[in-house]
Amino acid sequence: MKTQATAPEGEFKSAVTVALTGASGAQYGLRLIECLVAAGHEVMVMVSKAAHMVIATETDEELPARPARLTEVLTKRYAARPGQIRCFGREDWMAPVASGSGAPSAMVVCPCSTGSLSAIATGASNNLIERAADVALKERRTLILVPRETPFSAIHLEHMLSLTRMGAVILPAAPGFYHRPQTLDDMIDFIVARILNQLGISHTLMPRWGEGHVSGD
C-alpha cells in the first residue's frame, strides 16, 4: 500500500480514537490506524470481540485479544513510536476514552456494525467502545461512523438519521470508481482518504476532486 511520509520525531500530534467492530471491512480500520501513525498522531485503539473474528476471516492474521499484546503487535506492524498506539479492553473503564476529561477530540468507528450503530444511537454504553462514542457525542466532539452493510433496514436508517442529528458523521464504506482503482488497496484508500478529510488530516492517498484538472478553452 501507499504510505504517507512519517512525521518527524518529537511530540505526537492530536490523539484519535479508532474502534473496530464486527462489520465486514476490517481492512479500512487497520489502514486508518496505519495512516494516522504515519502522520504522527497518537492512536487509541479498541477492537471488539466480533471484530477479532472478522479480522481473522478477512485478513491473513489473527490479532491478539489482550490489549497489552495487541499494542505490541500493532506498534511493530506500523513502525509506531513507543506509546504512539494504546489499546484498551472492552471493560477498561479507567481508559482516557471513557471520560470527557480524557478522551481525544475525535473518534472513528471503522468498520461500524449495525449493532454498534444501534447501541451508540441509544446511548447503551455497555462496553468501552459504546461509552467512548457516547462521550464524543455528549462532548460535541468529532464522531465518524463507517457502516458496512447492505441493504439498510428502516431501523438502520433511523439510527443513522438520529446520529446525524446528534452531530455524528455517517460515512458508509462505499468506494467510488471515478479514480479508476487498480487494486483492492486503492478501494480501501478511497474510504480512508475520506475519513482523513473529515478529520482534517492531510494525506497523499489520492488527489481531491479537481486537483490537477486543466480546463479547456
N, C-alpha and C. Protein backbone atom coordinates (compact mmCIF):
# COMPACT_ATOMS: atom_id res chain seq x y z
N MET A 1 0.83 -1.20 0.00
CA MET A 1 0.00 0.00 0.00
C MET A 1 0.87 1.25 0.00
N LYS A 2 0.30 2.34 -0.56
CA LYS A 2 0.99 3.62 -0.49
C LYS A 2 0.95 4.10 0.95
N THR A 3 2.00 4.73 1.40
CA THR A 3 2.04 5.26 2.76
C THR A 3 2.36 6.73 2.73
N GLN A 4 2.02 7.40 3.82
CA GLN A 4 2.35 8.81 3.95
C GLN A 4 3.74 8.95 4.55
N ALA A 5 4.31 10.13 4.40
CA ALA A 5 5.61 10.38 4.99
C ALA A 5 5.48 10.36 6.51
N THR A 6 6.42 9.75 7.17
CA THR A 6 6.39 9.66 8.62
C THR A 6 6.67 11.02 9.23
N ALA A 7 5.93 11.34 10.28
CA ALA A 7 6.10 12.64 10.95
C ALA A 7 7.46 12.67 11.63
N PRO A 8 8.02 13.86 11.80
CA PRO A 8 9.33 13.99 12.46
C PRO A 8 9.25 13.59 13.92
N GLU A 9 10.42 13.31 14.50
CA GLU A 9 10.48 12.93 15.91
C GLU A 9 9.99 14.09 16.78
N GLY A 10 9.49 13.75 17.95
CA GLY A 10 9.00 14.78 18.86
C GLY A 10 7.66 14.39 19.43
N GLU A 11 6.91 15.36 19.88
CA GLU A 11 5.60 15.11 20.45
C GLU A 11 4.65 14.56 19.40
N PHE A 12 3.74 13.70 19.85
CA PHE A 12 2.72 13.20 18.93
C PHE A 12 1.74 14.31 18.61
N LYS A 13 1.13 14.22 17.45
CA LYS A 13 0.04 15.12 17.11
C LYS A 13 -1.20 14.67 17.89
N SER A 14 -2.30 15.37 17.72
CA SER A 14 -3.52 15.09 18.48
C SER A 14 -3.90 13.61 18.41
N ALA A 15 -4.45 13.12 19.51
CA ALA A 15 -4.85 11.71 19.58
C ALA A 15 -6.18 11.50 18.87
N VAL A 16 -6.31 10.34 18.26
CA VAL A 16 -7.55 9.94 17.60
C VAL A 16 -7.91 8.55 18.11
N THR A 17 -9.17 8.35 18.48
CA THR A 17 -9.64 7.04 18.89
C THR A 17 -10.15 6.29 17.67
N VAL A 18 -9.70 5.05 17.49
CA VAL A 18 -10.17 4.21 16.39
C VAL A 18 -10.72 2.91 16.98
N ALA A 19 -11.98 2.63 16.70
CA ALA A 19 -12.61 1.40 17.17
C ALA A 19 -13.01 0.54 15.98
N LEU A 20 -12.69 -0.74 16.04
CA LEU A 20 -13.10 -1.69 15.02
C LEU A 20 -14.17 -2.58 15.62
N THR A 21 -15.33 -2.66 14.97
CA THR A 21 -16.40 -3.53 15.45
C THR A 21 -16.68 -4.61 14.42
N GLY A 22 -17.72 -5.39 14.65
CA GLY A 22 -17.89 -6.64 13.92
C GLY A 22 -18.52 -6.60 12.55
N ALA A 23 -18.40 -5.51 11.83
CA ALA A 23 -18.87 -5.47 10.44
C ALA A 23 -17.74 -5.89 9.51
N SER A 24 -18.10 -6.26 8.28
CA SER A 24 -17.07 -6.53 7.28
C SER A 24 -16.35 -5.23 6.98
N GLY A 25 -15.08 -5.32 6.61
CA GLY A 25 -14.32 -4.12 6.29
C GLY A 25 -13.25 -3.80 7.30
N ALA A 26 -12.72 -4.83 7.97
CA ALA A 26 -11.66 -4.60 8.95
C ALA A 26 -10.46 -3.91 8.31
N GLN A 27 -10.27 -4.12 7.00
CA GLN A 27 -9.12 -3.52 6.31
C GLN A 27 -9.16 -2.00 6.36
N TYR A 28 -10.36 -1.43 6.36
CA TYR A 28 -10.48 0.04 6.44
C TYR A 28 -9.92 0.55 7.77
N GLY A 29 -10.32 -0.09 8.85
CA GLY A 29 -9.87 0.35 10.16
C GLY A 29 -8.38 0.17 10.36
N LEU A 30 -7.85 -0.95 9.91
CA LEU A 30 -6.42 -1.21 10.05
C LEU A 30 -5.60 -0.23 9.21
N ARG A 31 -6.07 0.06 8.02
CA ARG A 31 -5.37 1.02 7.15
C ARG A 31 -5.44 2.42 7.76
N LEU A 32 -6.57 2.76 8.37
CA LEU A 32 -6.70 4.06 9.02
C LEU A 32 -5.68 4.20 10.14
N ILE A 33 -5.53 3.17 10.95
CA ILE A 33 -4.54 3.21 12.03
C ILE A 33 -3.15 3.43 11.45
N GLU A 34 -2.83 2.72 10.38
CA GLU A 34 -1.52 2.86 9.73
C GLU A 34 -1.28 4.30 9.28
N CYS A 35 -2.29 4.92 8.67
CA CYS A 35 -2.13 6.27 8.15
C CYS A 35 -2.01 7.29 9.28
N LEU A 36 -2.77 7.10 10.35
CA LEU A 36 -2.69 8.02 11.48
C LEU A 36 -1.32 7.95 12.15
N VAL A 37 -0.80 6.74 12.27
CA VAL A 37 0.54 6.57 12.85
C VAL A 37 1.59 7.25 11.97
N ALA A 38 1.50 7.02 10.66
CA ALA A 38 2.47 7.61 9.74
C ALA A 38 2.41 9.13 9.76
N ALA A 39 1.22 9.68 10.04
CA ALA A 39 1.06 11.14 10.09
C ALA A 39 1.47 11.72 11.43
N GLY A 40 1.87 10.86 12.37
CA GLY A 40 2.38 11.35 13.64
C GLY A 40 1.37 11.50 14.76
N HIS A 41 0.17 10.96 14.57
CA HIS A 41 -0.87 11.07 15.60
C HIS A 41 -0.79 9.93 16.61
N GLU A 42 -1.16 10.24 17.83
CA GLU A 42 -1.35 9.18 18.82
C GLU A 42 -2.67 8.49 18.50
N VAL A 43 -2.71 7.17 18.62
CA VAL A 43 -3.91 6.43 18.26
C VAL A 43 -4.33 5.54 19.42
N MET A 44 -5.56 5.72 19.87
CA MET A 44 -6.13 4.89 20.91
C MET A 44 -7.05 3.87 20.24
N VAL A 45 -6.76 2.60 20.42
CA VAL A 45 -7.41 1.54 19.65
C VAL A 45 -8.26 0.64 20.53
N MET A 46 -9.45 0.31 20.02
CA MET A 46 -10.31 -0.68 20.65
C MET A 46 -10.83 -1.63 19.57
N VAL A 47 -10.79 -2.91 19.86
CA VAL A 47 -11.24 -3.92 18.90
C VAL A 47 -12.25 -4.82 19.60
N SER A 48 -13.46 -4.88 19.09
CA SER A 48 -14.49 -5.70 19.72
C SER A 48 -14.21 -7.19 19.49
N LYS A 49 -14.87 -8.02 20.27
CA LYS A 49 -14.71 -9.47 20.12
C LYS A 49 -15.12 -9.92 18.73
N ALA A 50 -16.23 -9.39 18.24
CA ALA A 50 -16.69 -9.74 16.89
C ALA A 50 -15.70 -9.26 15.83
N ALA A 51 -15.08 -8.11 16.07
CA ALA A 51 -14.11 -7.59 15.11
C ALA A 51 -12.90 -8.51 15.00
N HIS A 52 -12.48 -9.09 16.12
CA HIS A 52 -11.36 -10.04 16.08
C HIS A 52 -11.70 -11.21 15.16
N MET A 53 -12.95 -11.67 15.21
CA MET A 53 -13.37 -12.78 14.35
C MET A 53 -13.37 -12.36 12.89
N VAL A 54 -13.84 -11.13 12.62
CA VAL A 54 -13.88 -10.64 11.24
C VAL A 54 -12.47 -10.47 10.69
N ILE A 55 -11.58 -9.94 11.50
CA ILE A 55 -10.19 -9.74 11.07
C ILE A 55 -9.55 -11.08 10.70
N ALA A 56 -9.80 -12.09 11.52
CA ALA A 56 -9.26 -13.42 11.24
C ALA A 56 -9.84 -14.01 9.96
N THR A 57 -11.07 -13.62 9.63
CA THR A 57 -11.74 -14.12 8.43
C THR A 57 -11.30 -13.38 7.18
N GLU A 58 -11.16 -12.04 7.30
CA GLU A 58 -10.92 -11.21 6.13
C GLU A 58 -9.44 -10.95 5.83
N THR A 59 -8.58 -11.24 6.79
CA THR A 59 -7.15 -10.99 6.58
C THR A 59 -6.36 -12.26 6.86
N ASP A 60 -5.05 -12.18 6.64
CA ASP A 60 -4.18 -13.33 6.86
C ASP A 60 -3.61 -13.38 8.26
N GLU A 61 -4.16 -12.57 9.16
CA GLU A 61 -3.62 -12.55 10.51
C GLU A 61 -4.73 -12.65 11.54
N GLU A 62 -4.33 -12.99 12.75
CA GLU A 62 -5.25 -13.08 13.87
C GLU A 62 -4.65 -12.23 15.00
N LEU A 63 -5.26 -11.09 15.24
CA LEU A 63 -4.72 -10.17 16.23
C LEU A 63 -4.98 -10.68 17.64
N PRO A 64 -4.04 -10.49 18.54
CA PRO A 64 -4.23 -10.96 19.92
C PRO A 64 -5.34 -10.17 20.61
N ALA A 65 -6.03 -10.83 21.53
CA ALA A 65 -7.15 -10.21 22.23
C ALA A 65 -6.69 -9.33 23.39
N ARG A 66 -5.58 -9.71 24.04
CA ARG A 66 -5.11 -8.93 25.19
C ARG A 66 -4.61 -7.56 24.74
N PRO A 67 -5.10 -6.48 25.34
CA PRO A 67 -4.71 -5.13 24.92
C PRO A 67 -3.21 -4.89 24.91
N ALA A 68 -2.50 -5.37 25.94
CA ALA A 68 -1.06 -5.13 26.00
C ALA A 68 -0.35 -5.80 24.83
N ARG A 69 -0.73 -7.02 24.53
CA ARG A 69 -0.11 -7.74 23.42
C ARG A 69 -0.52 -7.13 22.08
N LEU A 70 -1.78 -6.69 21.98
CA LEU A 70 -2.25 -6.05 20.75
C LEU A 70 -1.48 -4.76 20.50
N THR A 71 -1.20 -4.01 21.55
CA THR A 71 -0.41 -2.80 21.42
C THR A 71 0.97 -3.12 20.85
N GLU A 72 1.60 -4.17 21.35
CA GLU A 72 2.92 -4.57 20.86
C GLU A 72 2.87 -4.94 19.38
N VAL A 73 1.86 -5.71 19.01
CA VAL A 73 1.75 -6.19 17.63
C VAL A 73 1.52 -5.03 16.66
N LEU A 74 0.59 -4.13 16.99
CA LEU A 74 0.29 -3.01 16.11
C LEU A 74 1.46 -2.03 16.05
N THR A 75 2.13 -1.83 17.18
CA THR A 75 3.28 -0.94 17.20
C THR A 75 4.37 -1.44 16.26
N LYS A 76 4.63 -2.73 16.30
CA LYS A 76 5.64 -3.32 15.41
C LYS A 76 5.18 -3.29 13.97
N ARG A 77 3.93 -3.64 13.74
CA ARG A 77 3.42 -3.72 12.38
C ARG A 77 3.48 -2.38 11.66
N TYR A 78 3.15 -1.29 12.37
CA TYR A 78 3.09 0.02 11.74
C TYR A 78 4.29 0.91 12.08
N ALA A 79 5.33 0.29 12.64
CA ALA A 79 6.56 1.02 12.98
C ALA A 79 6.26 2.27 13.80
N ALA A 80 5.35 2.14 14.73
CA ALA A 80 4.97 3.26 15.59
C ALA A 80 6.03 3.51 16.65
N ARG A 81 6.07 4.73 17.13
CA ARG A 81 6.99 5.06 18.21
C ARG A 81 6.42 4.56 19.53
N PRO A 82 7.26 4.33 20.53
CA PRO A 82 6.77 3.86 21.82
C PRO A 82 5.68 4.78 22.37
N GLY A 83 4.55 4.20 22.74
CA GLY A 83 3.47 4.97 23.31
C GLY A 83 2.54 5.61 22.29
N GLN A 84 2.86 5.46 21.00
CA GLN A 84 2.03 6.11 19.98
C GLN A 84 0.70 5.37 19.79
N ILE A 85 0.71 4.05 19.95
CA ILE A 85 -0.51 3.25 19.87
C ILE A 85 -0.83 2.73 21.26
N ARG A 86 -2.05 2.93 21.71
CA ARG A 86 -2.50 2.44 23.01
C ARG A 86 -3.81 1.69 22.81
N CYS A 87 -3.84 0.42 23.20
CA CYS A 87 -5.02 -0.41 23.03
C CYS A 87 -5.72 -0.63 24.37
N PHE A 88 -7.04 -0.71 24.32
CA PHE A 88 -7.83 -0.87 25.54
C PHE A 88 -8.85 -2.01 25.39
N GLY A 89 -9.15 -2.68 26.50
CA GLY A 89 -10.12 -3.76 26.51
C GLY A 89 -11.55 -3.25 26.60
N ARG A 90 -12.49 -4.16 26.38
CA ARG A 90 -13.89 -3.76 26.29
C ARG A 90 -14.45 -3.23 27.61
N GLU A 91 -13.83 -3.56 28.74
CA GLU A 91 -14.33 -3.07 30.03
C GLU A 91 -13.27 -2.31 30.81
N ASP A 92 -12.37 -1.68 30.08
CA ASP A 92 -11.33 -0.88 30.72
C ASP A 92 -11.90 0.52 31.00
N TRP A 93 -12.69 0.63 32.04
CA TRP A 93 -13.42 1.87 32.32
C TRP A 93 -12.52 3.00 32.80
N MET A 94 -11.26 2.71 33.11
CA MET A 94 -10.32 3.75 33.51
C MET A 94 -9.54 4.30 32.32
N ALA A 95 -9.84 3.83 31.13
CA ALA A 95 -9.17 4.33 29.92
C ALA A 95 -9.56 5.79 29.68
N PRO A 96 -8.65 6.59 29.12
CA PRO A 96 -8.97 8.01 28.86
C PRO A 96 -10.23 8.21 28.03
N VAL A 97 -10.49 7.28 27.11
CA VAL A 97 -11.63 7.45 26.21
C VAL A 97 -12.97 7.33 26.92
N ALA A 98 -12.97 6.86 28.17
CA ALA A 98 -14.22 6.66 28.91
C ALA A 98 -14.73 7.92 29.56
N SER A 99 -13.98 9.01 29.49
CA SER A 99 -14.38 10.24 30.17
C SER A 99 -14.16 11.45 29.28
N GLY A 100 -15.04 12.41 29.40
CA GLY A 100 -14.91 13.63 28.63
C GLY A 100 -13.67 14.41 28.97
N SER A 101 -13.12 14.19 30.17
CA SER A 101 -11.92 14.93 30.57
C SER A 101 -10.64 14.32 30.01
N GLY A 102 -10.75 13.11 29.43
CA GLY A 102 -9.54 12.45 28.93
C GLY A 102 -9.59 12.00 27.49
N ALA A 103 -10.81 11.93 26.94
CA ALA A 103 -10.96 11.40 25.59
C ALA A 103 -10.42 12.34 24.53
N PRO A 104 -9.88 11.80 23.43
CA PRO A 104 -9.42 12.63 22.32
C PRO A 104 -10.57 13.42 21.70
N SER A 105 -10.24 14.39 20.88
CA SER A 105 -11.27 15.24 20.27
C SER A 105 -11.94 14.59 19.08
N ALA A 106 -11.46 13.42 18.66
CA ALA A 106 -12.06 12.75 17.51
C ALA A 106 -12.06 11.24 17.70
N MET A 107 -13.14 10.61 17.24
CA MET A 107 -13.26 9.15 17.30
C MET A 107 -13.84 8.64 16.00
N VAL A 108 -13.30 7.51 15.54
CA VAL A 108 -13.79 6.86 14.32
C VAL A 108 -14.11 5.41 14.65
N VAL A 109 -15.32 4.98 14.34
CA VAL A 109 -15.69 3.57 14.47
C VAL A 109 -15.68 3.01 13.05
N CYS A 110 -14.67 2.19 12.76
CA CYS A 110 -14.41 1.77 11.38
C CYS A 110 -13.84 0.36 11.34
N PRO A 111 -14.61 -0.62 10.88
CA PRO A 111 -16.00 -0.50 10.45
C PRO A 111 -16.95 -0.45 11.65
N CYS A 112 -18.15 0.04 11.39
CA CYS A 112 -19.16 0.15 12.44
C CYS A 112 -20.30 -0.82 12.13
N SER A 113 -20.45 -1.83 12.96
CA SER A 113 -21.54 -2.79 12.77
C SER A 113 -22.88 -2.12 13.05
N THR A 114 -23.95 -2.68 12.52
CA THR A 114 -25.27 -2.10 12.79
C THR A 114 -25.66 -2.27 14.25
N GLY A 115 -25.09 -3.29 14.91
CA GLY A 115 -25.33 -3.45 16.34
C GLY A 115 -24.69 -2.32 17.12
N SER A 116 -23.45 -1.96 16.77
CA SER A 116 -22.77 -0.84 17.41
C SER A 116 -23.49 0.47 17.09
N LEU A 117 -23.95 0.61 15.85
CA LEU A 117 -24.68 1.79 15.44
C LEU A 117 -25.91 1.99 16.33
N SER A 118 -26.64 0.90 16.56
CA SER A 118 -27.83 0.94 17.40
C SER A 118 -27.49 1.33 18.83
N ALA A 119 -26.45 0.69 19.37
CA ALA A 119 -26.06 0.96 20.76
C ALA A 119 -25.61 2.40 20.95
N ILE A 120 -24.87 2.92 19.98
CA ILE A 120 -24.40 4.30 20.07
C ILE A 120 -25.57 5.28 19.95
N ALA A 121 -26.49 4.97 19.05
CA ALA A 121 -27.64 5.86 18.84
C ALA A 121 -28.53 5.94 20.08
N THR A 122 -28.59 4.86 20.86
CA THR A 122 -29.46 4.83 22.03
C THR A 122 -28.72 5.05 23.35
N GLY A 123 -27.41 5.29 23.27
CA GLY A 123 -26.63 5.57 24.47
C GLY A 123 -26.47 4.38 25.39
N ALA A 124 -26.39 3.18 24.83
CA ALA A 124 -26.34 1.96 25.65
C ALA A 124 -25.11 1.92 26.56
N SER A 125 -23.95 2.23 26.02
CA SER A 125 -22.69 2.25 26.78
C SER A 125 -22.44 0.95 27.54
N ASN A 126 -22.67 -0.18 26.88
CA ASN A 126 -22.46 -1.48 27.51
C ASN A 126 -21.01 -1.93 27.48
N ASN A 127 -20.17 -1.28 26.68
CA ASN A 127 -18.75 -1.60 26.63
C ASN A 127 -17.98 -0.31 26.36
N LEU A 128 -16.66 -0.40 26.34
CA LEU A 128 -15.85 0.81 26.23
C LEU A 128 -16.02 1.51 24.89
N ILE A 129 -16.20 0.74 23.81
CA ILE A 129 -16.41 1.36 22.51
C ILE A 129 -17.67 2.22 22.52
N GLU A 130 -18.75 1.65 23.04
CA GLU A 130 -20.02 2.38 23.09
C GLU A 130 -19.91 3.59 24.02
N ARG A 131 -19.22 3.43 25.14
CA ARG A 131 -19.05 4.54 26.07
C ARG A 131 -18.21 5.64 25.44
N ALA A 132 -17.14 5.28 24.75
CA ALA A 132 -16.29 6.28 24.12
C ALA A 132 -17.07 7.08 23.08
N ALA A 133 -17.92 6.41 22.32
CA ALA A 133 -18.74 7.10 21.33
C ALA A 133 -19.76 8.00 22.02
N ASP A 134 -20.30 7.54 23.14
CA ASP A 134 -21.25 8.33 23.91
C ASP A 134 -20.58 9.60 24.44
N VAL A 135 -19.32 9.46 24.87
CA VAL A 135 -18.56 10.61 25.34
C VAL A 135 -18.36 11.62 24.20
N ALA A 136 -18.02 11.12 23.02
CA ALA A 136 -17.82 12.00 21.87
C ALA A 136 -19.08 12.80 21.56
N LEU A 137 -20.23 12.14 21.65
CA LEU A 137 -21.49 12.81 21.37
C LEU A 137 -21.82 13.85 22.44
N LYS A 138 -21.69 13.46 23.69
CA LYS A 138 -22.09 14.39 24.76
C LYS A 138 -21.16 15.58 24.87
N GLU A 139 -19.90 15.40 24.46
CA GLU A 139 -18.93 16.49 24.50
C GLU A 139 -18.90 17.28 23.19
N ARG A 140 -19.78 16.93 22.26
CA ARG A 140 -19.86 17.59 20.95
C ARG A 140 -18.53 17.51 20.21
N ARG A 141 -17.92 16.32 20.24
CA ARG A 141 -16.66 16.11 19.54
C ARG A 141 -16.88 15.34 18.25
N THR A 142 -15.87 15.28 17.43
CA THR A 142 -15.99 14.60 16.14
C THR A 142 -16.19 13.10 16.34
N LEU A 143 -17.26 12.57 15.77
CA LEU A 143 -17.53 11.14 15.79
C LEU A 143 -17.89 10.70 14.38
N ILE A 144 -17.08 9.82 13.81
CA ILE A 144 -17.29 9.33 12.46
C ILE A 144 -17.60 7.84 12.53
N LEU A 145 -18.72 7.45 11.96
CA LEU A 145 -19.14 6.05 11.95
C LEU A 145 -19.13 5.54 10.51
N VAL A 146 -18.47 4.41 10.30
CA VAL A 146 -18.29 3.85 8.96
C VAL A 146 -19.02 2.51 8.86
N PRO A 147 -20.34 2.55 8.58
CA PRO A 147 -21.08 1.29 8.47
C PRO A 147 -20.77 0.57 7.17
N ARG A 148 -20.83 -0.75 7.21
CA ARG A 148 -20.64 -1.56 6.01
C ARG A 148 -21.72 -2.65 6.05
N GLU A 149 -22.84 -2.32 5.48
CA GLU A 149 -23.99 -3.23 5.47
C GLU A 149 -24.82 -2.92 4.25
N THR A 150 -25.49 -3.93 3.71
CA THR A 150 -26.39 -3.67 2.59
C THR A 150 -27.37 -4.84 2.45
N PRO A 151 -28.64 -4.58 2.20
CA PRO A 151 -29.25 -3.25 2.22
C PRO A 151 -29.46 -2.77 3.66
N PHE A 152 -29.77 -1.49 3.82
CA PHE A 152 -30.08 -0.96 5.14
C PHE A 152 -31.57 -1.13 5.42
N SER A 153 -31.87 -1.51 6.64
CA SER A 153 -33.28 -1.59 7.05
C SER A 153 -33.73 -0.22 7.54
N ALA A 154 -35.02 -0.07 7.78
CA ALA A 154 -35.54 1.19 8.32
C ALA A 154 -34.92 1.47 9.69
N ILE A 155 -34.66 0.41 10.46
CA ILE A 155 -34.03 0.59 11.78
C ILE A 155 -32.65 1.20 11.62
N HIS A 156 -31.85 0.66 10.69
CA HIS A 156 -30.51 1.19 10.45
C HIS A 156 -30.56 2.65 10.03
N LEU A 157 -31.46 2.96 9.10
CA LEU A 157 -31.56 4.31 8.57
C LEU A 157 -32.03 5.30 9.64
N GLU A 158 -32.96 4.86 10.48
CA GLU A 158 -33.43 5.74 11.56
C GLU A 158 -32.32 6.03 12.55
N HIS A 159 -31.50 5.02 12.84
CA HIS A 159 -30.38 5.24 13.75
C HIS A 159 -29.35 6.19 13.13
N MET A 160 -29.11 6.04 11.83
CA MET A 160 -28.18 6.93 11.15
C MET A 160 -28.68 8.37 11.18
N LEU A 161 -29.98 8.54 10.93
CA LEU A 161 -30.55 9.88 10.95
C LEU A 161 -30.46 10.48 12.36
N SER A 162 -30.76 9.67 13.37
CA SER A 162 -30.68 10.16 14.75
C SER A 162 -29.26 10.59 15.08
N LEU A 163 -28.29 9.78 14.70
CA LEU A 163 -26.89 10.10 14.99
C LEU A 163 -26.42 11.33 14.22
N THR A 164 -26.87 11.47 12.98
CA THR A 164 -26.53 12.66 12.20
C THR A 164 -27.06 13.91 12.89
N ARG A 165 -28.28 13.83 13.40
CA ARG A 165 -28.86 14.97 14.10
C ARG A 165 -28.14 15.28 15.40
N MET A 166 -27.48 14.26 15.98
CA MET A 166 -26.69 14.46 17.19
C MET A 166 -25.32 15.05 16.90
N GLY A 167 -24.95 15.09 15.63
CA GLY A 167 -23.66 15.66 15.25
C GLY A 167 -22.65 14.67 14.72
N ALA A 168 -22.99 13.39 14.71
CA ALA A 168 -22.06 12.38 14.18
C ALA A 168 -22.04 12.45 12.65
N VAL A 169 -20.95 11.93 12.08
CA VAL A 169 -20.82 11.83 10.62
C VAL A 169 -20.99 10.37 10.23
N ILE A 170 -21.94 10.10 9.36
CA ILE A 170 -22.14 8.75 8.84
C ILE A 170 -21.42 8.66 7.50
N LEU A 171 -20.40 7.82 7.43
CA LEU A 171 -19.55 7.72 6.25
C LEU A 171 -19.51 6.26 5.81
N PRO A 172 -20.51 5.82 5.04
CA PRO A 172 -20.57 4.41 4.64
C PRO A 172 -19.34 3.97 3.85
N ALA A 173 -18.97 2.73 4.03
CA ALA A 173 -17.84 2.17 3.29
C ALA A 173 -18.33 1.80 1.89
N ALA A 174 -18.45 2.82 1.05
CA ALA A 174 -18.95 2.65 -0.32
C ALA A 174 -17.95 3.28 -1.28
N PRO A 175 -16.92 2.57 -1.67
CA PRO A 175 -15.88 3.14 -2.54
C PRO A 175 -16.44 3.59 -3.89
N GLY A 176 -15.91 4.70 -4.39
CA GLY A 176 -16.25 5.14 -5.73
C GLY A 176 -15.28 4.54 -6.74
N PHE A 177 -15.53 4.82 -8.01
CA PHE A 177 -14.70 4.24 -9.06
C PHE A 177 -14.17 5.26 -10.04
N TYR A 178 -14.47 6.56 -9.81
CA TYR A 178 -14.01 7.56 -10.76
C TYR A 178 -12.50 7.72 -10.77
N HIS A 179 -11.83 7.24 -9.71
CA HIS A 179 -10.37 7.32 -9.70
C HIS A 179 -9.74 6.08 -10.35
N ARG A 180 -10.59 5.22 -10.90
CA ARG A 180 -10.16 4.02 -11.62
C ARG A 180 -9.23 3.15 -10.79
N PRO A 181 -9.74 2.58 -9.70
CA PRO A 181 -8.89 1.75 -8.84
C PRO A 181 -8.35 0.54 -9.59
N GLN A 182 -7.08 0.25 -9.33
CA GLN A 182 -6.42 -0.88 -9.98
C GLN A 182 -6.29 -2.08 -9.04
N THR A 183 -6.37 -1.81 -7.74
CA THR A 183 -6.19 -2.88 -6.76
C THR A 183 -7.21 -2.73 -5.63
N LEU A 184 -7.30 -3.76 -4.81
CA LEU A 184 -8.15 -3.68 -3.63
C LEU A 184 -7.66 -2.59 -2.69
N ASP A 185 -6.34 -2.41 -2.60
CA ASP A 185 -5.78 -1.36 -1.76
C ASP A 185 -6.27 0.02 -2.19
N ASP A 186 -6.42 0.23 -3.50
CA ASP A 186 -6.92 1.52 -3.99
C ASP A 186 -8.33 1.78 -3.50
N MET A 187 -9.15 0.76 -3.44
CA MET A 187 -10.53 0.91 -2.99
C MET A 187 -10.59 1.17 -1.48
N ILE A 188 -9.70 0.52 -0.74
CA ILE A 188 -9.62 0.76 0.70
C ILE A 188 -9.19 2.20 0.95
N ASP A 189 -8.18 2.66 0.22
CA ASP A 189 -7.67 4.01 0.41
C ASP A 189 -8.70 5.07 0.05
N PHE A 190 -9.63 4.76 -0.85
CA PHE A 190 -10.69 5.71 -1.21
C PHE A 190 -11.48 6.10 0.03
N ILE A 191 -11.85 5.11 0.84
CA ILE A 191 -12.64 5.37 2.05
C ILE A 191 -11.77 6.00 3.14
N VAL A 192 -10.58 5.47 3.32
CA VAL A 192 -9.69 6.01 4.36
C VAL A 192 -9.36 7.47 4.08
N ALA A 193 -9.19 7.82 2.81
CA ALA A 193 -8.92 9.21 2.45
C ALA A 193 -10.06 10.12 2.88
N ARG A 194 -11.28 9.64 2.73
CA ARG A 194 -12.42 10.46 3.12
C ARG A 194 -12.56 10.58 4.63
N ILE A 195 -12.15 9.56 5.34
CA ILE A 195 -12.12 9.67 6.80
C ILE A 195 -11.10 10.70 7.23
N LEU A 196 -9.92 10.65 6.63
CA LEU A 196 -8.87 11.61 6.96
C LEU A 196 -9.30 13.03 6.60
N ASN A 197 -10.04 13.18 5.50
CA ASN A 197 -10.56 14.50 5.13
C ASN A 197 -11.49 15.03 6.23
N GLN A 198 -12.35 14.17 6.74
CA GLN A 198 -13.28 14.58 7.80
C GLN A 198 -12.54 14.97 9.08
N LEU A 199 -11.41 14.32 9.31
CA LEU A 199 -10.60 14.61 10.49
C LEU A 199 -9.71 15.83 10.29
N GLY A 200 -9.65 16.34 9.07
CA GLY A 200 -8.80 17.48 8.78
C GLY A 200 -7.33 17.12 8.75
N ILE A 201 -7.01 15.87 8.40
CA ILE A 201 -5.64 15.40 8.35
C ILE A 201 -5.19 15.29 6.90
N SER A 202 -4.10 15.95 6.56
CA SER A 202 -3.61 15.91 5.18
C SER A 202 -3.07 14.52 4.85
N HIS A 203 -3.16 14.16 3.59
CA HIS A 203 -2.71 12.84 3.16
C HIS A 203 -2.39 12.87 1.68
N THR A 204 -1.76 11.80 1.22
CA THR A 204 -1.44 11.66 -0.20
C THR A 204 -2.03 10.37 -0.77
N LEU A 205 -3.08 9.87 -0.14
CA LEU A 205 -3.67 8.62 -0.59
C LEU A 205 -4.27 8.76 -1.99
N MET A 206 -4.88 9.91 -2.25
CA MET A 206 -5.43 10.18 -3.57
C MET A 206 -5.74 11.67 -3.67
N PRO A 207 -5.69 12.23 -4.88
CA PRO A 207 -5.97 13.67 -5.03
C PRO A 207 -7.43 13.98 -4.73
N ARG A 208 -7.67 15.18 -4.21
CA ARG A 208 -9.04 15.63 -4.03
C ARG A 208 -9.65 15.92 -5.39
N TRP A 209 -10.98 15.93 -5.44
CA TRP A 209 -11.69 16.15 -6.70
C TRP A 209 -11.26 17.50 -7.31
N GLY A 210 -10.87 17.47 -8.56
CA GLY A 210 -10.48 18.69 -9.26
C GLY A 210 -9.00 19.00 -9.22
N GLU A 211 -8.25 18.36 -8.34
CA GLU A 211 -6.81 18.62 -8.26
C GLU A 211 -6.13 18.12 -9.52
N GLY A 212 -5.31 18.96 -10.11
CA GLY A 212 -4.60 18.56 -11.32
C GLY A 212 -5.41 18.72 -12.58
N HIS A 213 -6.68 19.18 -12.44
CA HIS A 213 -7.53 19.34 -13.63
C HIS A 213 -7.16 20.61 -14.39
N VAL A 214 -7.01 20.50 -15.67
CA VAL A 214 -6.71 21.65 -16.52
C VAL A 214 -7.92 21.93 -17.39
N SER A 215 -8.50 23.13 -17.23
CA SER A 215 -9.70 23.47 -18.01
C SER A 215 -9.35 23.71 -19.47
N GLY A 216 -10.28 23.36 -20.32
CA GLY A 216 -10.08 23.62 -21.74
C GLY A 216 -10.43 25.05 -22.10
N ASP A 217 -10.20 25.42 -23.35
CA ASP A 217 -10.50 26.78 -23.81
C ASP A 217 -12.01 26.98 -23.85
